[in-house]
Amino acid sequence: MTFKSIGQEIIEECVQASGHYPPFNSAHEGYAIILEELEELKTEIFKKQSNRDVRRMRKEAIQVGAMALRFVNDIAPK
């Protein structure tokens, strides 16, 4: 696993989400969606270590990255 391959997974998740949902309407909406994904990651992380699902944590972390990427694209393009 490399940063490049993880980045590709984040891009693929972002593209898939963009096909299902419209662009963020505002910075506040984008922030709320990122926060929602972060809370889902937090839920996994805060479980007792023996009950954590590493695959679920990974999936949620990729979704956080995808929504951050989408935020940049929809709200703060160069």
PDB file of N, CA and C in Angstrom:
ATOM      1  N   MET A   1       0.852  -1.175   0.000  1.00  0.00           N
ATOM      2  CA  MET A   1       0.000   0.000   0.000  1.00  0.00           C
ATOM      3  C   MET A   1       0.895   1.235   0.000  1.00  0.00           C
ATOM      4  N   THR A   2       0.608   2.138  -0.910  1.00  0.00           N
ATOM      5  CA  THR A   2       1.361   3.381  -1.002  1.00  0.00           C
ATOM      6  C   THR A   2       0.406   4.562  -0.886  1.00  0.00           C
ATOM      7  N   PHE A   3       0.981   5.726  -0.609  1.00  0.00           N
ATOM      8  CA  PHE A   3       0.139   6.923  -0.574  1.00  0.00           C
ATOM      9  C   PHE A   3      -0.569   7.123  -1.907  1.00  0.00           C
ATOM     10  N   LYS A   4       0.110   6.779  -2.973  1.00  0.00           N
ATOM     11  CA  LYS A   4      -0.481   6.955  -4.304  1.00  0.00           C
ATOM     12  C   LYS A   4      -1.705   6.050  -4.479  1.00  0.00           C
ATOM     13  N   SER A   5      -1.609   4.800  -4.048  1.00  0.00           N
ATOM     14  CA  SER A   5      -2.751   3.888  -4.198  1.00  0.00           C
ATOM     15  C   SER A   5      -3.895   4.280  -3.258  1.00  0.00           C
ATOM     16  N   ILE A   6      -3.566   4.753  -2.064  1.00  0.00           N
ATOM     17  CA  ILE A   6      -4.607   5.233  -1.151  1.00  0.00           C
ATOM     18  C   ILE A   6      -5.273   6.475  -1.735  1.00  0.00           C
ATOM     19  N   GLY A   7      -4.469   7.361  -2.281  1.00  0.00           N
ATOM     20  CA  GLY A   7      -5.012   8.557  -2.928  1.00  0.00           C
ATOM     21  C   GLY A   7      -5.961   8.196  -4.057  1.00  0.00           C
ATOM     22  N   GLN A   8      -5.624   7.155  -4.802  1.00  0.00           N
ATOM     23  CA  GLN A   8      -6.497   6.710  -5.890  1.00  0.00           C
ATOM     24  C   GLN A   8      -7.831   6.219  -5.339  1.00  0.00           C
ATOM     25  N   GLU A   9      -7.805   5.513  -4.215  1.00  0.00           N
ATOM     26  CA  GLU A   9      -9.053   5.061  -3.587  1.00  0.00           C
ATOM     27  C   GLU A   9      -9.900   6.252  -3.148  1.00  0.00           C
ATOM     28  N   ILE A  10      -9.252   7.273  -2.612  1.00  0.00           N
ATOM     29  CA  ILE A  10      -9.975   8.479  -2.187  1.00  0.00           C
ATOM     30  C   ILE A  10     -10.609   9.158  -3.393  1.00  0.00           C
ATOM     31  N   ILE A  11      -9.860   9.253  -4.478  1.00  0.00           N
ATOM     32  CA  ILE A  11     -10.397   9.855  -5.705  1.00  0.00           C
ATOM     33  C   ILE A  11     -11.594   9.057  -6.212  1.00  0.00           C
ATOM     34  N   GLU A  12     -11.479   7.737  -6.235  1.00  0.00           N
ATOM     35  CA  GLU A  12     -12.582   6.897  -6.707  1.00  0.00           C
ATOM     36  C   GLU A  12     -13.817   7.074  -5.832  1.00  0.00           C
ATOM     37  N   GLU A  13     -13.633   7.151  -4.517  1.00  0.00           N
ATOM     38  CA  GLU A  13     -14.761   7.376  -3.600  1.00  0.00           C
ATOM     39  C   GLU A  13     -15.391   8.745  -3.864  1.00  0.00           C
ATOM     40  N   CYS A  14     -14.579   9.745  -4.113  1.00  0.00           N
ATOM     41  CA  CYS A  14     -15.064  11.086  -4.379  1.00  0.00           C
ATOM     42  C   CYS A  14     -15.876  11.117  -5.683  1.00  0.00           C
ATOM     43  N   VAL A  15     -15.372  10.487  -6.709  1.00  0.00           N
ATOM     44  CA  VAL A  15     -16.064  10.441  -7.999  1.00  0.00           C
ATOM     45  C   VAL A  15     -17.399   9.714  -7.851  1.00  0.00           C
ATOM     46  N   GLN A  16     -17.402   8.599  -7.110  1.00  0.00           N
ATOM     47  CA  GLN A  16     -18.636   7.848  -6.906  1.00  0.00           C
ATOM     48  C   GLN A  16     -19.666   8.693  -6.154  1.00  0.00           C
ATOM     49  N   ALA A  17     -19.236   9.350  -5.089  1.00  0.00           N
ATOM     50  CA  ALA A  17     -20.156  10.197  -4.317  1.00  0.00           C
ATOM     51  C   ALA A  17     -20.675  11.351  -5.162  1.00  0.00           C
ATOM     52  N   SER A  18     -19.820  11.907  -5.996  1.00  0.00           N
ATOM     53  CA  SER A  18     -20.224  13.022  -6.852  1.00  0.00           C
ATOM     54  C   SER A  18     -21.276  12.598  -7.870  1.00  0.00           C
ATOM     55  N   GLY A  19     -21.271  11.329  -8.234  1.00  0.00           N
ATOM     56  CA  GLY A  19     -22.280  10.810  -9.151  1.00  0.00           C
ATOM     57  C   GLY A  19     -23.631  10.598  -8.491  1.00  0.00           C
ATOM     58  N   HIS A  20     -23.633  10.485  -7.168  1.00  0.00           N
ATOM     59  CA  HIS A  20     -24.874  10.225  -6.434  1.00  0.00           C
ATOM     60  C   HIS A  20     -25.467  11.472  -5.789  1.00  0.00           C
ATOM     61  N   TYR A  21     -24.638  12.446  -5.502  1.00  0.00           N
ATOM     62  CA  TYR A  21     -25.078  13.633  -4.758  1.00  0.00           C
ATOM     63  C   TYR A  21     -24.660  14.902  -5.479  1.00  0.00           C
ATOM     64  N   PRO A  22     -25.460  15.957  -5.389  1.00  0.00           N
ATOM     65  CA  PRO A  22     -25.092  17.222  -6.040  1.00  0.00           C
ATOM     66  C   PRO A  22     -23.899  17.876  -5.340  1.00  0.00           C
ATOM     67  N   PRO A  23     -23.277  18.865  -5.982  1.00  0.00           N
ATOM     68  CA  PRO A  23     -22.172  19.590  -5.343  1.00  0.00           C
ATOM     69  C   PRO A  23     -22.615  20.231  -4.034  1.00  0.00           C
ATOM     70  N   PHE A  24     -21.658  20.462  -3.157  1.00  0.00           N
ATOM     71  CA  PHE A  24     -21.954  21.157  -1.907  1.00  0.00           C
ATOM     72  C   PHE A  24     -22.511  22.536  -2.241  1.00  0.00           C
ATOM     73  N   ASN A  25     -23.546  22.938  -1.531  1.00  0.00           N
ATOM     74  CA  ASN A  25     -24.167  24.244  -1.745  1.00  0.00           C
ATOM     75  C   ASN A  25     -23.412  25.379  -1.075  1.00  0.00           C
ATOM     76  N   SER A  26     -22.684  25.057  -0.025  1.00  0.00           N
ATOM     77  CA  SER A  26     -21.991  26.096   0.730  1.00  0.00           C
ATOM     78  C   SER A  26     -20.836  25.469   1.504  1.00  0.00           C
ATOM     79  N   ALA A  27     -19.975  26.322   2.003  1.00  0.00           N
ATOM     80  CA  ALA A  27     -18.877  25.858   2.846  1.00  0.00           C
ATOM     81  C   ALA A  27     -19.421  25.196   4.105  1.00  0.00           C
ATOM     82  N   HIS A  28     -20.517  25.744   4.639  1.00  0.00           N
ATOM     83  CA  HIS A  28     -21.116  25.160   5.844  1.00  0.00           C
ATOM     84  C   HIS A  28     -21.618  23.735   5.588  1.00  0.00           C
ATOM     85  N   GLU A  29     -22.257  23.535   4.460  1.00  0.00           N
ATOM     86  CA  GLU A  29     -22.735  22.191   4.121  1.00  0.00           C
ATOM     87  C   GLU A  29     -21.560  21.236   3.955  1.00  0.00           C
ATOM     88  N   GLY A  30     -20.535  21.677   3.242  1.00  0.00           N
ATOM     89  CA  GLY A  30     -19.349  20.842   3.047  1.00  0.00           C
ATOM     90  C   GLY A  30     -18.711  20.459   4.369  1.00  0.00           C
ATOM     91  N   TYR A  31     -18.585  21.439   5.252  1.00  0.00           N
ATOM     92  CA  TYR A  31     -18.027  21.192   6.582  1.00  0.00           C
ATOM     93  C   TYR A  31     -18.873  20.172   7.334  1.00  0.00           C
ATOM     94  N   ALA A  32     -20.186  20.321   7.279  1.00  0.00           N
ATOM     95  CA  ALA A  32     -21.084  19.409   7.992  1.00  0.00           C
ATOM     96  C   ALA A  32     -20.934  17.978   7.486  1.00  0.00           C
ATOM     97  N   ILE A  33     -20.779  17.819   6.195  1.00  0.00           N
ATOM     98  CA  ILE A  33     -20.636  16.480   5.626  1.00  0.00           C
ATOM     99  C   ILE A  33     -19.292  15.878   6.024  1.00  0.00           C
ATOM    100  N   ILE A  34     -18.234  16.681   5.982  1.00  0.00           N
ATOM    101  CA  ILE A  34     -16.926  16.197   6.440  1.00  0.00           C
ATOM    102  C   ILE A  34     -17.015  15.800   7.912  1.00  0.00           C
ATOM    103  N   LEU A  35     -17.659  16.622   8.718  1.00  0.00           N
ATOM    104  CA  LEU A  35     -17.801  16.337  10.143  1.00  0.00           C
ATOM    105  C   LEU A  35     -18.589  15.045  10.370  1.00  0.00           C
ATOM    106  N   GLU A  36     -19.627  14.836   9.587  1.00  0.00           N
ATOM    107  CA  GLU A  36     -20.414  13.607   9.694  1.00  0.00           C
ATOM    108  C   GLU A  36     -19.537  12.379   9.431  1.00  0.00           C
ATOM    109  N   GLU A  37     -18.734  12.452   8.383  1.00  0.00           N
ATOM    110  CA  GLU A  37     -17.838  11.338   8.071  1.00  0.00           C
ATOM    111  C   GLU A  37     -16.790  11.157   9.166  1.00  0.00           C
ATOM    112  N   LEU A  38     -16.297  12.257   9.693  1.00  0.00           N
ATOM    113  CA  LEU A  38     -15.311  12.198  10.771  1.00  0.00           C
ATOM    114  C   LEU A  38     -15.913  11.576  12.029  1.00  0.00           C
ATOM    115  N   GLU A  39     -17.168  11.892  12.312  1.00  0.00           N
ATOM    116  CA  GLU A  39     -17.848  11.299  13.469  1.00  0.00           C
ATOM    117  C   GLU A  39     -18.011   9.789  13.290  1.00  0.00           C
ATOM    118  N   GLU A  40     -18.268   9.358  12.069  1.00  0.00           N
ATOM    119  CA  GLU A  40     -18.374   7.918  11.802  1.00  0.00           C
ATOM    120  C   GLU A  40     -17.023   7.230  12.033  1.00  0.00           C
ATOM    121  N   LEU A  41     -15.940   7.887  11.634  1.00  0.00           N
ATOM    122  CA  LEU A  41     -14.600   7.359  11.904  1.00  0.00           C
ATOM    123  C   LEU A  41     -14.340   7.333  13.405  1.00  0.00           C
ATOM    124  N   LYS A  42     -14.711   8.400  14.088  1.00  0.00           N
ATOM    125  CA  LYS A  42     -14.524   8.491  15.537  1.00  0.00           C
ATOM    126  C   LYS A  42     -15.262   7.354  16.249  1.00  0.00           C
ATOM    127  N   THR A  43     -16.469   7.038  15.800  1.00  0.00           N
ATOM    128  CA  THR A  43     -17.249   5.954  16.405  1.00  0.00           C
ATOM    129  C   THR A  43     -16.469   4.649  16.370  1.00  0.00           C
ATOM    130  N   GLU A  44     -15.837   4.365  15.257  1.00  0.00           N
ATOM    131  CA  GLU A  44     -15.025   3.149  15.141  1.00  0.00           C
ATOM    132  C   GLU A  44     -13.788   3.222  16.027  1.00  0.00           C
ATOM    133  N   ILE A  45     -13.116   4.352  16.007  1.00  0.00           N
ATOM    134  CA  ILE A  45     -11.875   4.505  16.771  1.00  0.00           C
ATOM    135  C   ILE A  45     -12.117   4.408  18.268  1.00  0.00           C
ATOM    136  N   PHE A  46     -13.232   4.937  18.745  1.00  0.00           N
ATOM    137  CA  PHE A  46     -13.499   4.995  20.183  1.00  0.00           C
ATOM    138  C   PHE A  46     -14.066   3.687  20.747  1.00  0.00           C
ATOM    139  N   LYS A  47     -14.248   2.694  19.888  1.00  0.00           N
ATOM    140  CA  LYS A  47     -14.660   1.387  20.390  1.00  0.00           C
ATOM    141  C   LYS A  47     -13.515   0.761  21.176  1.00  0.00           C
ATOM    142  N   LYS A  48     -13.866  -0.154  22.049  1.00  0.00           N
ATOM    143  CA  LYS A  48     -12.847  -0.921  22.745  1.00  0.00           C
ATOM    144  C   LYS A  48     -11.939  -1.547  21.680  1.00  0.00           C
ATOM    145  N   GLN A  49     -10.645  -1.501  21.898  1.00  0.00           N
ATOM    146  CA  GLN A  49      -9.688  -1.917  20.873  1.00  0.00           C
ATOM    147  C   GLN A  49      -9.994  -3.305  20.316  1.00  0.00           C
ATOM    148  N   SER A  50     -10.412  -4.212  21.170  1.00  0.00           N
ATOM    149  CA  SER A  50     -10.708  -5.578  20.713  1.00  0.00           C
ATOM    150  C   SER A  50     -11.959  -5.629  19.829  1.00  0.00           C
ATOM    151  N   ASN A  51     -12.785  -4.591  19.848  1.00  0.00           N
ATOM    152  CA  ASN A  51     -14.005  -4.551  19.041  1.00  0.00           C
ATOM    153  C   ASN A  51     -13.880  -3.705  17.782  1.00  0.00           C
ATOM    154  N   ARG A  52     -12.744  -3.063  17.607  1.00  0.00           N
ATOM    155  CA  ARG A  52     -12.558  -2.220  16.420  1.00  0.00           C
ATOM    156  C   ARG A  52     -12.504  -3.055  15.155  1.00  0.00           C
ATOM    157  N   ASP A  53     -13.054  -2.482  14.110  1.00  0.00           N
ATOM    158  CA  ASP A  53     -13.008  -3.101  12.788  1.00  0.00           C
ATOM    159  C   ASP A  53     -12.075  -2.252  11.928  1.00  0.00           C
ATOM    160  N   VAL A  54     -10.882  -2.763  11.686  1.00  0.00           N
ATOM    161  CA  VAL A  54      -9.871  -2.000  10.945  1.00  0.00           C
ATOM    162  C   VAL A  54     -10.353  -1.681   9.533  1.00  0.00           C
ATOM    163  N   ARG A  55     -11.069  -2.602   8.919  1.00  0.00           N
ATOM    164  CA  ARG A  55     -11.590  -2.346   7.567  1.00  0.00           C
ATOM    165  C   ARG A  55     -12.602  -1.208   7.579  1.00  0.00           C
ATOM    166  N   ARG A  56     -13.426  -1.174   8.619  1.00  0.00           N
ATOM    167  CA  ARG A  56     -14.421  -0.093   8.747  1.00  0.00           C
ATOM    168  C   ARG A  56     -13.731   1.252   8.998  1.00  0.00           C
ATOM    169  N   MET A  57     -12.697   1.249   9.860  1.00  0.00           N
ATOM    170  CA  MET A  57     -11.944   2.485  10.105  1.00  0.00           C
ATOM    171  C   MET A  57     -11.319   2.991   8.807  1.00  0.00           C
ATOM    172  N   ARG A  58     -10.756   2.073   8.044  1.00  0.00           N
ATOM    173  CA  ARG A  58     -10.132   2.442   6.769  1.00  0.00           C
ATOM    174  C   ARG A  58     -11.162   3.043   5.818  1.00  0.00           C
ATOM    175  N   LYS A  59     -12.321   2.391   5.729  1.00  0.00           N
ATOM    176  CA  LYS A  59     -13.382   2.883   4.846  1.00  0.00           C
ATOM    177  C   LYS A  59     -13.813   4.283   5.249  1.00  0.00           C
ATOM    178  N   GLU A  60     -14.006   4.500   6.539  1.00  0.00           N
ATOM    179  CA  GLU A  60     -14.427   5.820   7.016  1.00  0.00           C
ATOM    180  C   GLU A  60     -13.349   6.868   6.776  1.00  0.00           C
ATOM    181  N   ALA A  61     -12.084   6.505   6.978  1.00  0.00           N
ATOM    182  CA  ALA A  61     -10.987   7.451   6.733  1.00  0.00           C
ATOM    183  C   ALA A  61     -10.928   7.832   5.255  1.00  0.00           C
ATOM    184  N   ILE A  62     -11.160   6.871   4.380  1.00  0.00           N
ATOM    185  CA  ILE A  62     -11.184   7.161   2.941  1.00  0.00           C
ATOM    186  C   ILE A  62     -12.345   8.097   2.619  1.00  0.00           C
ATOM    187  N   GLN A  63     -13.486   7.900   3.268  1.00  0.00           N
ATOM    188  CA  GLN A  63     -14.628   8.782   3.035  1.00  0.00           C
ATOM    189  C   GLN A  63     -14.353  10.207   3.532  1.00  0.00           C
ATOM    190  N   VAL A  64     -13.643  10.326   4.654  1.00  0.00           N
ATOM    191  CA  VAL A  64     -13.250  11.667   5.133  1.00  0.00           C
ATOM    192  C   VAL A  64     -12.386  12.341   4.075  1.00  0.00           C
ATOM    193  N   GLY A  65     -11.394  11.616   3.570  1.00  0.00           N
ATOM    194  CA  GLY A  65     -10.524  12.172   2.534  1.00  0.00           C
ATOM    195  C   GLY A  65     -11.284  12.550   1.277  1.00  0.00           C
ATOM    196  N   ALA A  66     -12.227  11.704   0.889  1.00  0.00           N
ATOM    197  CA  ALA A  66     -13.018  11.975  -0.318  1.00  0.00           C
ATOM    198  C   ALA A  66     -13.854  13.237  -0.167  1.00  0.00           C
ATOM    199  N   MET A  67     -14.458  13.413   1.002  1.00  0.00           N
ATOM    200  CA  MET A  67     -15.277  14.606   1.219  1.00  0.00           C
ATOM    201  C   MET A  67     -14.409  15.860   1.337  1.00  0.00           C
ATOM    202  N   ALA A  68     -13.211  15.729   1.870  1.00  0.00           N
ATOM    203  CA  ALA A  68     -12.287  16.871   1.892  1.00  0.00           C
ATOM    204  C   ALA A  68     -11.890  17.244   0.462  1.00  0.00           C
ATOM    205  N   LEU A  69     -11.637  16.253  -0.360  1.00  0.00           N
ATOM    206  CA  LEU A  69     -11.314  16.493  -1.766  1.00  0.00           C
ATOM    207  C   LEU A  69     -12.488  17.165  -2.475  1.00  0.00           C
ATOM    208  N   ARG A  70     -13.677  16.678  -2.191  1.00  0.00           N
ATOM    209  CA  ARG A  70     -14.867  17.262  -2.803  1.00  0.00           C
ATOM    210  C   ARG A  70     -15.078  18.705  -2.346  1.00  0.00           C
ATOM    211  N   PHE A  71     -14.794  18.981  -1.076  1.00  0.00           N
ATOM    212  CA  PHE A  71     -14.899  20.338  -0.552  1.00  0.00           C
ATOM    213  C   PHE A  71     -14.012  21.277  -1.361  1.00  0.00           C
ATOM    214  N   VAL A  72     -12.776  20.867  -1.570  1.00  0.00           N
ATOM    215  CA  VAL A  72     -11.844  21.700  -2.343  1.00  0.00           C
ATOM    216  C   VAL A  72     -12.385  21.919  -3.745  1.00  0.00           C
ATOM    217  N   ASN A  73     -12.898  20.861  -4.374  1.00  0.00           N
ATOM    218  CA  ASN A  73     -13.414  20.977  -5.730  1.00  0.00           C
ATOM    219  C   ASN A  73     -14.656  21.863  -5.817  1.00  0.00           C
ATOM    220  N   ASP A  74     -15.596  21.657  -4.896  1.00  0.00           N
ATOM    221  CA  ASP A  74     -16.886  22.367  -4.977  1.00  0.00           C
ATOM    222  C   ASP A  74     -16.855  23.774  -4.391  1.00  0.00           C
ATOM    223  N   ILE A  75     -16.065  23.987  -3.347  1.00  0.00           N
ATOM    224  CA  ILE A  75     -16.135  25.231  -2.606  1.00  0.00           C
ATOM    225  C   ILE A  75     -14.889  26.100  -2.785  1.00  0.00           C
ATOM    226  N   ALA A  76     -13.735  25.489  -2.890  1.00  0.00           N
ATOM    227  CA  ALA A  76     -12.496  26.266  -2.915  1.00  0.00           C
ATOM    228  C   ALA A  76     -11.588  25.913  -4.077  1.00  0.00           C
ATOM    229  N   PRO A  77     -12.133  25.908  -5.311  1.00  0.00           N
ATOM    230  CA  PRO A  77     -11.270  25.587  -6.447  1.00  0.00           C
ATOM    231  C   PRO A  77     -10.232  26.701  -6.652  1.00  0.00           C
ATOM    232  N   LYS A  78      -9.168  26.351  -7.263  1.00  0.00           N
ATOM    233  CA  LYS A  78      -8.081  27.310  -7.491  1.00  0.00           C
ATOM    234  C   LYS A  78      -8.458  28.323  -8.541  1.00  0.00           C
TER     235      LYS A  78
END
